[in-house]
Amino acid sequence: MHGYFLLPYFYRSGTRDFFLHLTGQDELIFTHRRQREVWEQEKVIAAGCRRFQAAPDREGLLHIIAADTNNQLGYLLTNGESIHKAAFNVTNSELPFFLAFSAGGNSSFYGGQTGRLLHGNSCASSGWVVNVVSTVSEATFPTGLVMDRHGGSHLLLYDQVNQALLYQYSGQAQKAGSPLPLARAIRSGALSVIWLDASQTVHVAWHDTEADFIGYCRKKAGGWPGGGWLPLKLLPVDFTPKYLSFFEQDQAVHLWVADESGRLQVCSTPDGQLQSAGKDISAWHPLRIGGLGVNTLNLAAALPPESWCFPLETADDVNPARESAADEQGSLLLLHARQLMEGRKVLESRLQQKEASLLQLRQLLERAQESHTKQRQKWQEQIRLLEGTVQKLGERSKSEAGELTLLKTQYEQLQNKLTQTETEKRKLQAEVFSLRSKLGETQIVASMLREKVKELESELESRKSVWEKFAGLLHKKPDTKN
């Protein structure tokens, strides 16, 4: 993505051309000229520059943002005659950064740090006002930006976590909503481009690093039913593109694709297919072309550019023959023109009012369409989740049915064991009862024996006393004789 920010930059304002490019010593070089004249001497406007971005405003001033090796940003302004630094509230940007101005005077900047996407717009009273974008995830960074004539910002984003290419719109009277996914399973090195044609239709194209096709979709200006996103189209490609962009010719939009070897294919959108342009561009130089609200890519035969591979359409180009004829007829038409001016002012006032009302209606319709698309995607995701849940429940039901059969078998076995245990218990109870009866009888016999023992002991005691008395008498008889 950063390779885009290294390409030279060309812008034509009125009768003046601007040209910027980086040298091998990381110097940002600037030169300018009046059309069809010699380029002025080149001068270094930023040293230690590793990448840059530029965009013109409606006054013809060229705004330049240059980033150094530490991603520190410098902001420059030039009208061709002079270059000066200007205040800018974003001092550092690790992410790719983009800048654009609309024909209505609105401005938009996107950049910032990893996990912290910033959006800024300039205000005449307070300069650049910068806020954190809260509608995207932390792993999301911008890959493209265009602004329509009403001041609406059309932002192309890449979500690294979900590997998705996203689109987000924010208008002057409409805050940015949740991004709309355009493509999924997109690798981080994919090419992507967003572009606006003269009818304000948004064109988006991308190529994944390992895909054999280019994805293309467009969003017509206005809301449903005439506007909104149209179906995705896949364009087969048999080589790996390095450059991808659009150009408009004869009110038709064309997509061009080129690789490093110089192969070039062109497709007329929206119904065409990529076809070889029959031109070797290996010696041509890719460069960015600045415009009001949108930048694009082109190829030049030399640098600074003089001739172009694709038409360089600009409202500032002058046709000398047409200008001469207009001068001859100018005196005849001047009176009539003055009479028409007042009527024109009235019509412009009414038209502006109607355009404002129409813009509000378009924004409401776009919001409703985007909400419907998001809701449909949400429902489809919920249906997929429910189908997965039903499948899991079916598998779980089969598993639980097998477990239930096993439990029933185990229950019957336990019932049989319980019956056997009850039978054995009754037998043991009968034996215990019999033993208790025998114990009672034994206790009675023991009691009778104890009584018998007592009687014998008493009888023995009585006999013992008799014998003691008899023995006493025997001992006394000898003494009597003496």
Foldseek 3Di string as FASTA:
>chain_A
DQVQQQFKEWEDDQQKIKIWHADPQRFIKIWMDGPPDDIDDIDTPDGQFDGKAWAAELVQKIWIWTQHPQQFIWIWIDNRVDIDTDDDPDGGFPADKYKAYANVGWIWIWTHYQQWIKIWIQDPVPGIDIDTDPQDGSQKGWDEWFAYNQGKIWTWMARQVFRFIWIWIAHPPGHIHHTDTPDTPAHPPKDKYWDADPQRKIKIWIDGQPDQWIKIWIFGFFFPPVTGIDDIDTAGHDDGFPDWWWDDDPNWIKIWTAHQQQWIWIFTPDPTHTDTPPDRCNQWGKHWYYDHRHITIWTANDPVGDDTPDDDDDPSDDDVVVVVVCVVCVVVCVVVVVVCPVVVVVVVVVVVVVVVVRVVNRVVRNVVVSVVVVVVVVVVVVVVVVVVVVVVVVVVVVVVVVVVVVVVVVVVVVVVVVVVVVVVVVVVVVVVVVVVVVVVVVVVVVVVVVVVVVVVVVVVVVVVVVVVVVVVVVVCVVVVVD
